[in-house]
Amino acid sequence: MSEESSNIEHRWTNLRASMMKTFGKKPDLNAILFLIGIQELGKGVTNFTKEEKQDLMHIATCKVFSLSGFYELERVDEEGWPHYRSVKPIPFANLKEQDRMLKWHIIEYFDRSEEF
């Protein structure tokens, strides 16, 4: 494992541990994306449909990848849901690299928002 990968995994573990203190259990990647989506929607926790939960995770993915210029916020619809557009393609990567890239972007998101 490279030093960069090791650092990302260390920071990822710390982020999850911090969230465990807040939520009482250690969230996985999908749960963290869901939480980011809720935060970006800005309506608080409510009962979301399965489709809305998927949309929230999509919003979160776009938001975190917007930190590197892959997406940008295009508009917010009349119901308050953000819509992103792809600005440049995310580089092709195998699953392990995709996982690491997503974790890095999530860590950056929380570093910038200082939520956890």
C-alpha atoms as a PDB file:
ATOM      1  CA  MET A   1       0.000   0.000   0.000  1.00  0.00           C
ATOM      2  CA  SER A   2       1.407   3.372  -0.962  1.00  0.00           C
ATOM      3  CA  GLU A   3       1.952   6.093   1.623  1.00  0.00           C
ATOM      4  CA  GLU A   4      -0.865   8.126   0.036  1.00  0.00           C
ATOM      5  CA  SER A   5      -3.269   5.152   0.211  1.00  0.00           C
ATOM      6  CA  SER A   6      -2.250   4.500   3.790  1.00  0.00           C
ATOM      7  CA  ASN A   7      -2.882   8.149   4.697  1.00  0.00           C
ATOM      8  CA  ILE A   8      -6.310   8.097   3.034  1.00  0.00           C
ATOM      9  CA  GLU A   9      -7.254   4.897   4.884  1.00  0.00           C
ATOM     10  CA  HIS A  10      -6.048   6.407   8.183  1.00  0.00           C
ATOM     11  CA  ARG A  11      -8.060   9.604   7.622  1.00  0.00           C
ATOM     12  CA  TRP A  12     -11.072   7.521   6.503  1.00  0.00           C
ATOM     13  CA  THR A  13     -10.912   5.458   9.700  1.00  0.00           C
ATOM     14  CA  ASN A  14     -10.732   8.643  11.772  1.00  0.00           C
ATOM     15  CA  LEU A  15     -13.721  10.155   9.940  1.00  0.00           C
ATOM     16  CA  ARG A  16     -15.817   7.024  10.523  1.00  0.00           C
ATOM     17  CA  ALA A  17     -14.788   6.919  14.191  1.00  0.00           C
ATOM     18  CA  SER A  18     -15.808  10.558  14.588  1.00  0.00           C
ATOM     19  CA  MET A  19     -19.181   9.798  13.009  1.00  0.00           C
ATOM     20  CA  MET A  20     -19.598   6.816  15.310  1.00  0.00           C
ATOM     21  CA  LYS A  21     -19.408   9.196  18.281  1.00  0.00           C
ATOM     22  CA  THR A  22     -22.179  11.294  16.727  1.00  0.00           C
ATOM     23  CA  PHE A  23     -24.467   8.551  15.405  1.00  0.00           C
ATOM     24  CA  GLY A  24     -23.723   5.595  17.674  1.00  0.00           C
ATOM     25  CA  LYS A  25     -22.539   3.317  14.880  1.00  0.00           C
ATOM     26  CA  LYS A  26     -19.784   3.406  12.318  1.00  0.00           C
ATOM     27  CA  PRO A  27     -21.266   4.320   8.920  1.00  0.00           C
ATOM     28  CA  ASP A  28     -20.114   2.662   5.721  1.00  0.00           C
ATOM     29  CA  LEU A  29     -19.389   4.493   2.481  1.00  0.00           C
ATOM     30  CA  ASN A  30     -23.028   4.463   1.326  1.00  0.00           C
ATOM     31  CA  ALA A  31     -24.304   5.737   4.677  1.00  0.00           C
ATOM     32  CA  ILE A  32     -21.799   8.595   4.561  1.00  0.00           C
ATOM     33  CA  LEU A  33     -22.885   9.491   1.019  1.00  0.00           C
ATOM     34  CA  PHE A  34     -26.502   9.443   2.214  1.00  0.00           C
ATOM     35  CA  LEU A  35     -25.618  11.801   5.095  1.00  0.00           C
ATOM     36  CA  ILE A  36     -23.819  14.192   2.721  1.00  0.00           C
ATOM     37  CA  GLY A  37     -26.851  14.120   0.423  1.00  0.00           C
ATOM     38  CA  ILE A  38     -29.160  15.018   3.328  1.00  0.00           C
ATOM     39  CA  GLN A  39     -26.819  17.823   4.324  1.00  0.00           C
ATOM     40  CA  GLU A  40     -26.665  19.191   0.771  1.00  0.00           C
ATOM     41  CA  LEU A  41     -30.441  19.016   0.379  1.00  0.00           C
ATOM     42  CA  GLY A  42     -30.718  21.024   3.590  1.00  0.00           C
ATOM     43  CA  LYS A  43     -34.157  19.819   4.662  1.00  0.00           C
ATOM     44  CA  GLY A  44     -33.047  17.726   7.627  1.00  0.00           C
ATOM     45  CA  VAL A  45     -33.746  14.059   8.231  1.00  0.00           C
ATOM     46  CA  THR A  46     -37.165  12.909   7.097  1.00  0.00           C
ATOM     47  CA  ASN A  47     -38.705   9.780   5.631  1.00  0.00           C
ATOM     48  CA  PHE A  48     -37.253   9.477   2.153  1.00  0.00           C
ATOM     49  CA  THR A  49     -38.498   7.073  -0.498  1.00  0.00           C
ATOM     50  CA  LYS A  50     -36.061   4.522  -1.920  1.00  0.00           C
ATOM     51  CA  GLU A  51     -35.742   6.670  -5.057  1.00  0.00           C
ATOM     52  CA  GLU A  52     -35.079   9.810  -2.991  1.00  0.00           C
ATOM     53  CA  LYS A  53     -32.386   7.954  -1.038  1.00  0.00           C
ATOM     54  CA  GLN A  54     -30.705   7.041  -4.341  1.00  0.00           C
ATOM     55  CA  ASP A  55     -31.036  10.661  -5.475  1.00  0.00           C
ATOM     56  CA  LEU A  56     -29.454  11.859  -2.220  1.00  0.00           C
ATOM     57  CA  MET A  57     -26.482   9.546  -2.743  1.00  0.00           C
ATOM     58  CA  HIS A  58     -26.163  10.827  -6.319  1.00  0.00           C
ATOM     59  CA  ILE A  59     -26.244  14.441  -5.062  1.00  0.00           C
ATOM     60  CA  ALA A  60     -23.521  13.576  -2.563  1.00  0.00           C
ATOM     61  CA  THR A  61     -21.337  11.930  -5.193  1.00  0.00           C
ATOM     62  CA  CYS A  62     -21.687  14.927  -7.509  1.00  0.00           C
ATOM     63  CA  LYS A  63     -21.010  17.340  -4.642  1.00  0.00           C
ATOM     64  CA  VAL A  64     -17.832  15.632  -3.476  1.00  0.00           C
ATOM     65  CA  PHE A  65     -16.540  15.252  -7.044  1.00  0.00           C
ATOM     66  CA  SER A  66     -17.321  18.927  -7.662  1.00  0.00           C
ATOM     67  CA  LEU A  67     -14.417  19.650  -5.288  1.00  0.00           C
ATOM     68  CA  SER A  68     -12.094  18.523  -8.101  1.00  0.00           C
ATOM     69  CA  GLY A  69     -14.084  20.154 -10.890  1.00  0.00           C
ATOM     70  CA  PHE A  70     -15.715  17.000 -12.258  1.00  0.00           C
ATOM     71  CA  TYR A  71     -19.236  18.335 -11.610  1.00  0.00           C
ATOM     72  CA  GLU A  72     -20.764  21.723 -11.013  1.00  0.00           C
ATOM     73  CA  LEU A  73     -24.062  22.765  -9.543  1.00  0.00           C
ATOM     74  CA  GLU A  74     -26.354  23.567 -12.444  1.00  0.00           C
ATOM     75  CA  ARG A  75     -29.495  24.573 -10.587  1.00  0.00           C
ATOM     76  CA  VAL A  76     -31.727  23.925  -7.609  1.00  0.00           C
ATOM     77  CA  ASP A  77     -35.240  22.898  -8.604  1.00  0.00           C
ATOM     78  CA  GLU A  78     -38.492  24.282  -7.212  1.00  0.00           C
ATOM     79  CA  GLU A  79     -38.508  21.599  -4.489  1.00  0.00           C
ATOM     80  CA  GLY A  80     -35.002  22.522  -3.359  1.00  0.00           C
ATOM     81  CA  TRP A  81     -33.178  19.555  -4.905  1.00  0.00           C
ATOM     82  CA  PRO A  82     -29.742  20.385  -6.370  1.00  0.00           C
ATOM     83  CA  HIS A  83     -28.950  19.281  -9.914  1.00  0.00           C
ATOM     84  CA  TYR A  84     -25.363  18.882 -11.092  1.00  0.00           C
ATOM     85  CA  ARG A  85     -23.874  18.619 -14.528  1.00  0.00           C
ATOM     86  CA  SER A  86     -20.735  16.797 -15.535  1.00  0.00           C
ATOM     87  CA  VAL A  87     -17.934  19.201 -16.449  1.00  0.00           C
ATOM     88  CA  LYS A  88     -15.211  16.690 -17.228  1.00  0.00           C
ATOM     89  CA  PRO A  89     -15.097  12.898 -17.116  1.00  0.00           C
ATOM     90  CA  ILE A  90     -13.850  11.174 -13.997  1.00  0.00           C
ATOM     91  CA  PRO A  91     -10.706   9.252 -14.999  1.00  0.00           C
ATOM     92  CA  PHE A  92     -11.201   5.549 -15.560  1.00  0.00           C
ATOM     93  CA  ALA A  93     -10.066   3.538 -12.572  1.00  0.00           C
ATOM     94  CA  ASN A  94     -10.452   0.015 -11.263  1.00  0.00           C
ATOM     95  CA  LEU A  95     -12.784  -0.554  -8.299  1.00  0.00           C
ATOM     96  CA  LYS A  96     -10.056  -0.187  -5.686  1.00  0.00           C
ATOM     97  CA  GLU A  97      -8.881   3.112  -7.194  1.00  0.00           C
ATOM     98  CA  GLN A  98     -12.505   4.337  -7.496  1.00  0.00           C
ATOM     99  CA  ASP A  99     -13.060   3.520  -3.836  1.00  0.00           C
ATOM    100  CA  ARG A 100      -9.906   5.395  -2.808  1.00  0.00           C
ATOM    101  CA  MET A 101     -10.796   8.406  -4.990  1.00  0.00           C
ATOM    102  CA  LEU A 102     -14.306   8.573  -3.537  1.00  0.00           C
ATOM    103  CA  LYS A 103     -12.982   8.299   0.026  1.00  0.00           C
ATOM    104  CA  TRP A 104     -10.455  11.079  -0.636  1.00  0.00           C
ATOM    105  CA  HIS A 105     -13.211  13.367  -1.954  1.00  0.00           C
ATOM    106  CA  ILE A 106     -15.464  12.599   1.025  1.00  0.00           C
ATOM    107  CA  ILE A 107     -12.599  13.356   3.427  1.00  0.00           C
ATOM    108  CA  GLU A 108     -11.985  16.645   1.591  1.00  0.00           C
ATOM    109  CA  TYR A 109     -15.682  17.478   1.812  1.00  0.00           C
ATOM    110  CA  PHE A 110     -15.675  17.075   5.598  1.00  0.00           C
ATOM    111  CA  ASP A 111     -12.328  18.837   5.981  1.00  0.00           C
ATOM    112  CA  ARG A 112     -13.798  21.840   4.162  1.00  0.00           C
ATOM    113  CA  SER A 113     -17.167  21.790   5.927  1.00  0.00           C
ATOM    114  CA  GLU A 114     -15.652  21.128   9.387  1.00  0.00           C
ATOM    115  CA  GLU A 115     -18.789  19.184  10.318  1.00  0.00           C
ATOM    116  CA  PHE A 116     -16.907  16.270  11.883  1.00  0.00           C
END
